[in-house]
Amino acid sequence: MYVSTPDGRIKYFAVSASKLQEEMVKFYDDLAILLSAGLSIKEVFFFAAMIHLVFVKIYPFNDGNGQTGRLLEKWFLARKLGEKSWFMQSEKCTIKTTKLIIKI
């Protein structure tokens, strides 16, 4: 599986099926480290976004699985910053930001 730009250039290749288990083990190991680390609020948001990105890049199917990536991102925020994080409208912010970037 790969993701391409509108003009047909390949942006990145997903992990091959033969390496999926290895990559997921690394992903969960990294999550454990991040969960036990004392992070600043800025770092929590940075790593929440990175968790989403890394998961989506590991995911080997063509639907990209953004929903699960966003769920992992929110779960991490809730674990690090508290339960009220579940109510953040991060998807709304992402949509606004994406529209702004497309206009630029």
N, C-alpha and C. Protein backbone atom coordinates (compact mmCIF):
# COMPACT_ATOMS: atom_id res chain seq x y z
N MET A 1 0.84 -1.16 0.00
CA MET A 1 0.00 0.00 0.00
C MET A 1 0.89 1.23 0.00
N TYR A 2 0.46 2.25 -0.73
CA TYR A 2 1.19 3.51 -0.74
C TYR A 2 0.20 4.66 -0.83
N VAL A 3 0.67 5.84 -0.50
CA VAL A 3 -0.12 7.06 -0.62
C VAL A 3 0.56 7.91 -1.67
N SER A 4 -0.26 8.45 -2.59
CA SER A 4 0.31 9.29 -3.64
C SER A 4 -0.32 10.68 -3.60
N THR A 5 0.38 11.63 -4.21
CA THR A 5 -0.11 12.99 -4.33
C THR A 5 -1.07 13.06 -5.51
N PRO A 6 -1.86 14.12 -5.63
CA PRO A 6 -2.78 14.23 -6.76
C PRO A 6 -2.10 14.13 -8.13
N ASP A 7 -0.82 14.51 -8.20
CA ASP A 7 -0.12 14.42 -9.49
C ASP A 7 0.56 13.06 -9.71
N GLY A 8 0.28 12.09 -8.80
CA GLY A 8 0.76 10.73 -9.00
C GLY A 8 2.08 10.38 -8.35
N ARG A 9 2.74 11.35 -7.70
CA ARG A 9 4.00 11.04 -7.01
C ARG A 9 3.69 10.26 -5.73
N ILE A 10 4.52 9.28 -5.42
CA ILE A 10 4.32 8.47 -4.22
C ILE A 10 4.87 9.23 -3.02
N LYS A 11 4.01 9.43 -2.01
CA LYS A 11 4.39 10.14 -0.79
C LYS A 11 5.13 9.20 0.16
N TYR A 12 4.58 8.03 0.38
CA TYR A 12 5.23 7.03 1.21
C TYR A 12 4.60 5.67 0.99
N PHE A 13 5.37 4.64 1.32
CA PHE A 13 4.88 3.26 1.29
C PHE A 13 4.56 2.85 2.72
N ALA A 14 3.46 2.13 2.89
CA ALA A 14 3.14 1.57 4.20
C ALA A 14 4.07 0.39 4.46
N VAL A 15 4.09 -0.06 5.68
CA VAL A 15 4.90 -1.20 6.08
C VAL A 15 4.41 -2.45 5.34
N SER A 16 5.34 -3.26 4.92
CA SER A 16 4.96 -4.51 4.26
C SER A 16 4.36 -5.46 5.30
N ALA A 17 3.49 -6.34 4.85
CA ALA A 17 2.81 -7.27 5.75
C ALA A 17 3.81 -8.11 6.56
N SER A 18 4.95 -8.42 5.97
CA SER A 18 5.95 -9.25 6.66
C SER A 18 6.60 -8.51 7.84
N LYS A 19 6.53 -7.18 7.85
CA LYS A 19 7.14 -6.40 8.94
C LYS A 19 6.12 -5.78 9.87
N LEU A 20 4.84 -6.05 9.62
CA LEU A 20 3.79 -5.42 10.41
C LEU A 20 3.90 -5.72 11.90
N GLN A 21 4.06 -6.98 12.25
CA GLN A 21 4.14 -7.34 13.67
C GLN A 21 5.33 -6.66 14.34
N GLU A 22 6.47 -6.67 13.69
CA GLU A 22 7.68 -6.03 14.24
C GLU A 22 7.46 -4.53 14.47
N GLU A 23 6.83 -3.87 13.50
CA GLU A 23 6.59 -2.43 13.62
C GLU A 23 5.57 -2.12 14.71
N MET A 24 4.56 -2.98 14.86
CA MET A 24 3.57 -2.75 15.91
C MET A 24 4.19 -2.96 17.30
N VAL A 25 5.08 -3.93 17.43
CA VAL A 25 5.78 -4.12 18.70
C VAL A 25 6.58 -2.87 19.05
N LYS A 26 7.30 -2.32 18.06
CA LYS A 26 8.06 -1.07 18.29
C LYS A 26 7.12 0.07 18.67
N PHE A 27 5.98 0.13 17.98
CA PHE A 27 4.99 1.18 18.25
C PHE A 27 4.52 1.11 19.70
N TYR A 28 4.14 -0.09 20.16
CA TYR A 28 3.67 -0.25 21.54
C TYR A 28 4.79 -0.02 22.56
N ASP A 29 6.01 -0.39 22.24
CA ASP A 29 7.15 -0.11 23.12
C ASP A 29 7.34 1.40 23.27
N ASP A 30 7.26 2.11 22.15
CA ASP A 30 7.40 3.57 22.20
C ASP A 30 6.26 4.21 22.98
N LEU A 31 5.04 3.68 22.81
CA LEU A 31 3.90 4.18 23.57
C LEU A 31 4.14 4.03 25.07
N ALA A 32 4.65 2.88 25.48
CA ALA A 32 4.91 2.64 26.90
C ALA A 32 5.91 3.64 27.45
N ILE A 33 6.94 3.95 26.68
CA ILE A 33 7.94 4.94 27.10
C ILE A 33 7.29 6.30 27.25
N LEU A 34 6.49 6.70 26.27
CA LEU A 34 5.83 8.01 26.31
C LEU A 34 4.84 8.11 27.46
N LEU A 35 4.12 7.03 27.74
CA LEU A 35 3.15 7.06 28.84
C LEU A 35 3.82 7.21 30.19
N SER A 36 5.02 6.68 30.33
CA SER A 36 5.71 6.78 31.62
C SER A 36 6.56 8.04 31.74
N ALA A 37 6.73 8.77 30.66
CA ALA A 37 7.58 9.97 30.67
C ALA A 37 6.82 11.17 31.23
N GLY A 38 7.55 12.02 31.91
CA GLY A 38 7.00 13.30 32.36
C GLY A 38 7.15 14.30 31.22
N LEU A 39 6.05 14.62 30.57
CA LEU A 39 6.10 15.49 29.40
C LEU A 39 5.43 16.82 29.69
N SER A 40 5.92 17.88 29.06
CA SER A 40 5.25 19.17 29.14
C SER A 40 3.98 19.09 28.29
N ILE A 41 3.09 20.06 28.45
CA ILE A 41 1.86 20.08 27.67
C ILE A 41 2.18 20.15 26.18
N LYS A 42 3.15 20.97 25.83
CA LYS A 42 3.55 21.09 24.41
C LYS A 42 4.06 19.74 23.88
N GLU A 43 4.84 19.04 24.68
CA GLU A 43 5.35 17.72 24.28
C GLU A 43 4.22 16.70 24.15
N VAL A 44 3.25 16.77 25.05
CA VAL A 44 2.11 15.84 24.98
C VAL A 44 1.39 16.00 23.65
N PHE A 45 1.12 17.24 23.24
CA PHE A 45 0.45 17.46 21.97
C PHE A 45 1.31 17.04 20.79
N PHE A 46 2.60 17.31 20.87
CA PHE A 46 3.51 16.89 19.80
C PHE A 46 3.49 15.37 19.65
N PHE A 47 3.66 14.66 20.76
CA PHE A 47 3.72 13.20 20.67
C PHE A 47 2.35 12.59 20.34
N ALA A 48 1.26 13.23 20.73
CA ALA A 48 -0.06 12.74 20.33
C ALA A 48 -0.17 12.77 18.80
N ALA A 49 0.27 13.85 18.19
CA ALA A 49 0.24 13.95 16.73
C ALA A 49 1.17 12.92 16.10
N MET A 50 2.34 12.72 16.70
CA MET A 50 3.29 11.74 16.16
C MET A 50 2.75 10.31 16.27
N ILE A 51 2.06 10.01 17.36
CA ILE A 51 1.45 8.69 17.53
C ILE A 51 0.48 8.44 16.38
N HIS A 52 -0.34 9.43 16.08
CA HIS A 52 -1.29 9.32 14.98
C HIS A 52 -0.55 9.08 13.66
N LEU A 53 0.44 9.89 13.38
CA LEU A 53 1.20 9.78 12.13
C LEU A 53 1.90 8.43 12.01
N VAL A 54 2.58 8.01 13.05
CA VAL A 54 3.31 6.74 13.00
C VAL A 54 2.36 5.57 12.80
N PHE A 55 1.23 5.58 13.52
CA PHE A 55 0.27 4.50 13.35
C PHE A 55 -0.24 4.42 11.91
N VAL A 56 -0.61 5.57 11.36
CA VAL A 56 -1.15 5.58 9.99
C VAL A 56 -0.10 5.12 8.99
N LYS A 57 1.17 5.44 9.25
CA LYS A 57 2.23 4.99 8.33
C LYS A 57 2.52 3.50 8.46
N ILE A 58 2.22 2.92 9.62
CA ILE A 58 2.41 1.48 9.80
C ILE A 58 1.26 0.72 9.16
N TYR A 59 0.08 1.23 9.27
CA TYR A 59 -1.15 0.56 8.83
C TYR A 59 -1.06 0.16 7.35
N PRO A 60 -1.15 -1.13 7.04
CA PRO A 60 -0.84 -1.59 5.68
C PRO A 60 -2.02 -1.66 4.70
N PHE A 61 -3.17 -1.13 5.07
CA PHE A 61 -4.33 -1.23 4.19
C PHE A 61 -4.63 0.11 3.52
N ASN A 62 -5.36 0.09 2.42
CA ASN A 62 -5.49 1.29 1.62
C ASN A 62 -6.48 2.32 2.14
N ASP A 63 -7.17 2.07 3.24
CA ASP A 63 -8.08 3.10 3.75
C ASP A 63 -7.38 4.09 4.67
N GLY A 64 -6.10 3.85 4.99
CA GLY A 64 -5.31 4.79 5.79
C GLY A 64 -5.60 4.77 7.27
N ASN A 65 -6.80 4.36 7.65
CA ASN A 65 -7.23 4.24 9.04
C ASN A 65 -7.00 5.48 9.89
N GLY A 66 -7.41 6.62 9.36
CA GLY A 66 -7.33 7.87 10.11
C GLY A 66 -8.17 7.87 11.37
N GLN A 67 -9.32 7.15 11.34
CA GLN A 67 -10.18 7.12 12.52
C GLN A 67 -9.47 6.50 13.71
N THR A 68 -8.81 5.38 13.50
CA THR A 68 -8.08 4.75 14.60
C THR A 68 -6.90 5.62 15.03
N GLY A 69 -6.24 6.25 14.08
CA GLY A 69 -5.15 7.16 14.40
C GLY A 69 -5.62 8.30 15.28
N ARG A 70 -6.78 8.88 14.95
CA ARG A 70 -7.33 9.97 15.77
C ARG A 70 -7.75 9.47 17.15
N LEU A 71 -8.29 8.25 17.21
CA LEU A 71 -8.66 7.67 18.49
C LEU A 71 -7.42 7.48 19.37
N LEU A 72 -6.35 6.96 18.81
CA LEU A 72 -5.10 6.80 19.57
C LEU A 72 -4.57 8.15 20.05
N GLU A 73 -4.66 9.14 19.19
CA GLU A 73 -4.21 10.49 19.55
C GLU A 73 -5.00 11.01 20.75
N LYS A 74 -6.34 10.90 20.70
CA LYS A 74 -7.19 11.36 21.81
C LYS A 74 -6.95 10.55 23.08
N TRP A 75 -6.79 9.24 22.92
CA TRP A 75 -6.53 8.37 24.07
C TRP A 75 -5.26 8.81 24.78
N PHE A 76 -4.19 9.09 24.01
CA PHE A 76 -2.94 9.53 24.60
C PHE A 76 -3.12 10.86 25.33
N LEU A 77 -3.82 11.79 24.71
CA LEU A 77 -4.08 13.08 25.35
C LEU A 77 -4.84 12.88 26.66
N ALA A 78 -5.84 12.01 26.65
CA ALA A 78 -6.63 11.76 27.86
C ALA A 78 -5.79 11.11 28.95
N ARG A 79 -4.91 10.20 28.57
CA ARG A 79 -4.04 9.55 29.55
C ARG A 79 -3.07 10.54 30.18
N LYS A 80 -2.56 11.46 29.38
CA LYS A 80 -1.54 12.40 29.87
C LYS A 80 -2.14 13.67 30.49
N LEU A 81 -3.29 14.14 29.97
CA LEU A 81 -3.83 15.43 30.40
C LEU A 81 -5.16 15.32 31.15
N GLY A 82 -5.76 14.15 31.13
CA GLY A 82 -7.02 13.98 31.85
C GLY A 82 -8.20 13.70 30.93
N GLU A 83 -9.27 13.23 31.55
CA GLU A 83 -10.46 12.78 30.83
C GLU A 83 -11.12 13.86 29.98
N LYS A 84 -10.99 15.12 30.36
CA LYS A 84 -11.63 16.19 29.59
C LYS A 84 -11.04 16.30 28.18
N SER A 85 -9.90 15.71 27.97
CA SER A 85 -9.28 15.73 26.64
C SER A 85 -10.16 15.07 25.60
N TRP A 86 -11.00 14.14 26.03
CA TRP A 86 -11.89 13.45 25.08
C TRP A 86 -12.85 14.44 24.41
N PHE A 87 -13.09 15.59 25.05
CA PHE A 87 -14.07 16.54 24.53
C PHE A 87 -13.46 17.62 23.64
N MET A 88 -12.15 17.58 23.47
CA MET A 88 -11.49 18.54 22.56
C MET A 88 -11.95 18.28 21.14
N GLN A 89 -12.21 19.33 20.42
CA GLN A 89 -12.67 19.20 19.04
C GLN A 89 -11.48 19.23 18.08
N SER A 90 -10.56 18.31 18.28
CA SER A 90 -9.34 18.30 17.47
C SER A 90 -9.64 18.03 16.00
N GLU A 91 -10.66 17.22 15.72
CA GLU A 91 -11.01 16.94 14.32
C GLU A 91 -11.47 18.22 13.61
N LYS A 92 -12.23 19.04 14.34
CA LYS A 92 -12.71 20.31 13.78
C LYS A 92 -11.53 21.21 13.45
N CYS A 93 -10.55 21.26 14.34
CA CYS A 93 -9.34 22.05 14.12
C CYS A 93 -8.56 21.52 12.92
N THR A 94 -8.46 20.21 12.80
CA THR A 94 -7.75 19.60 11.67
C THR A 94 -8.40 19.97 10.36
N ILE A 95 -9.73 19.92 10.31
CA ILE A 95 -10.46 20.26 9.08
C ILE A 95 -10.22 21.72 8.72
N LYS A 96 -10.30 22.63 9.69
CA LYS A 96 -10.08 24.06 9.42
C LYS A 96 -8.64 24.28 8.93
N THR A 97 -7.68 23.65 9.60
CA THR A 97 -6.27 23.83 9.23
C THR A 97 -6.01 23.29 7.84
N THR A 98 -6.57 22.13 7.52
CA THR A 98 -6.39 21.54 6.20
C THR A 98 -6.96 22.45 5.12
N LYS A 99 -8.14 23.01 5.35
CA LYS A 99 -8.73 23.93 4.38
C LYS A 99 -7.86 25.16 4.19
N LEU A 100 -7.29 25.67 5.29
CA LEU A 100 -6.40 26.83 5.20
C LEU A 100 -5.15 26.50 4.41
N ILE A 101 -4.55 25.35 4.65
CA ILE A 101 -3.34 24.94 3.95
C ILE A 101 -3.63 24.77 2.46
N ILE A 102 -4.77 24.19 2.13
CA ILE A 102 -5.12 23.99 0.72
C ILE A 102 -5.26 25.33 0.00
N LYS A 103 -5.82 26.34 0.68
CA LYS A 103 -5.97 27.68 0.09
C LYS A 103 -4.62 28.33 -0.18
N ILE A 104 -3.65 28.08 0.70
CA ILE A 104 -2.31 28.67 0.55
C ILE A 104 -1.65 28.03 -0.62
